[in-house]
Every structure is written in structure tokens, then in C-alpha cells.
Amino acid sequence: MDRTEIEKKVKQVTAKVLGVDENSITSESRFVEDLGAESVQSLELVAAFEEAFDIEMEEDAALQVKTVGKAVEFISKYLNK
């Protein structure tokens, strides 16, 4: 799976979990400040990414990821292991 596919899926999952328009999400979008994620939703996002990509992420490290672009990089590392 290439970076473009990963980014598309990250945006789809983010839009679904946070109830925002997928087209309004950019690589620079911050989950909390720009997209309105609350702490519970941050956990839901981690779980949704794990399910969508069939990976298991280190939760504390995953919760430190603040932007959509960083999430794409973070997930890429797990997929390319």
C-alpha cells in the first residue's frame, strides 16, 4: 500500500470517526485543534486505524500523533515492517 492509498484511508476513517467532511481534511489538519477530536475520540481513532489497516499500534505512541500527515507516516511504519 503506497502513501497515497494510506492517506486516503486515514482521511476516510478520520471523517467517519469525527463526523467531519473528508474533503476538509488535509495532511496538516490537527486531530484536536482543527478536527475537534476529544480524548475518547482519539482512542476511537487509534482503534479504527488499527482495524482499517489490520495492524496493532503502540497506543501511547499513537496518541502522540497530532496531525493527519503524521498519522500517515506512523501507520506507514507499521505497514512496512
Protein backbone atom coordinates (compact mmCIF):
# COMPACT_ATOMS: atom_id res chain seq x y z
CA MET A 1 0.00 0.00 0.00
CA ASP A 2 1.54 3.31 -1.05
CA ARG A 3 1.45 6.61 0.82
CA THR A 4 -1.41 8.00 -1.31
CA GLU A 5 -3.62 4.99 -0.51
CA ILE A 6 -2.73 5.19 3.18
CA GLU A 7 -3.53 8.91 3.28
CA LYS A 8 -6.88 8.37 1.54
CA LYS A 9 -7.85 5.68 4.04
CA VAL A 10 -6.65 7.76 7.02
CA LYS A 11 -8.85 10.64 5.84
CA GLN A 12 -11.86 8.34 5.34
CA VAL A 13 -11.50 6.83 8.83
CA THR A 14 -10.93 10.25 10.41
CA ALA A 15 -14.00 11.71 8.71
CA LYS A 16 -16.16 8.80 9.85
CA VAL A 17 -14.97 8.75 13.48
CA LEU A 18 -15.02 12.53 13.96
CA GLY A 19 -18.06 13.28 11.81
CA VAL A 20 -16.27 15.82 9.61
CA ASP A 21 -16.27 16.30 5.83
CA GLU A 22 -13.49 14.18 4.34
CA ASN A 23 -12.77 16.93 1.80
CA SER A 24 -11.97 19.39 4.60
CA ILE A 25 -9.15 17.16 5.92
CA THR A 26 -5.57 17.89 4.84
CA SER A 27 -2.19 16.44 5.82
CA GLU A 28 -1.71 19.46 8.08
CA SER A 29 -5.08 19.01 9.84
CA ARG A 30 -4.61 18.55 13.59
CA PHE A 31 -6.93 15.99 15.13
CA VAL A 32 -7.77 18.03 18.23
CA GLU A 33 -7.38 21.68 17.25
CA ASP A 34 -8.67 21.52 13.65
CA LEU A 35 -10.95 18.48 13.59
CA GLY A 36 -12.34 18.69 17.13
CA ALA A 37 -11.28 15.28 18.42
CA GLU A 38 -11.85 14.76 22.13
CA SER A 39 -9.80 12.30 24.18
CA VAL A 40 -12.35 9.49 23.79
CA GLN A 41 -12.44 10.07 20.04
CA SER A 42 -8.65 9.93 19.91
CA LEU A 43 -8.83 6.41 21.32
CA GLU A 44 -11.58 5.57 18.83
CA LEU A 45 -9.37 6.83 16.01
CA VAL A 46 -6.48 4.61 17.09
CA ALA A 47 -8.82 1.60 17.21
CA ALA A 48 -10.35 2.49 13.84
CA PHE A 49 -6.91 2.86 12.20
CA GLU A 50 -5.83 -0.49 13.63
CA GLU A 51 -8.95 -2.13 12.22
CA ALA A 52 -8.79 -0.37 8.84
CA PHE A 53 -5.13 -1.26 8.27
CA ASP A 54 -5.14 -4.59 10.16
CA ILE A 55 -2.26 -3.52 12.42
CA GLU A 56 -1.65 -3.19 16.13
CA MET A 57 -0.16 0.12 17.24
CA GLU A 58 1.52 1.12 20.49
CA GLU A 59 -1.34 3.15 21.99
CA ASP A 60 0.71 5.75 23.89
CA ALA A 61 2.87 6.43 20.82
CA ALA A 62 -0.20 6.57 18.58
CA LEU A 63 -1.89 9.10 20.85
CA GLN A 64 1.14 11.41 20.47
CA VAL A 65 0.44 11.73 16.73
CA LYS A 66 -1.18 15.13 16.29
CA THR A 67 -1.77 15.60 12.55
CA VAL A 68 -3.21 13.60 9.68
CA GLY A 69 0.16 13.65 7.87
CA LYS A 70 1.97 12.31 10.93
CA ALA A 71 -0.67 9.58 11.24
CA VAL A 72 0.03 8.55 7.64
CA GLU A 73 3.79 8.35 8.43
CA PHE A 74 3.14 6.48 11.68
CA ILE A 75 0.85 3.91 10.03
CA SER A 76 3.27 3.53 7.08
CA LYS A 77 5.98 2.38 9.50
CA TYR A 78 3.70 -0.36 10.83
CA LEU A 79 2.70 -1.49 7.35
CA ASN A 80 6.28 -1.61 6.11
CA LYS A 81 7.67 -3.75 8.96
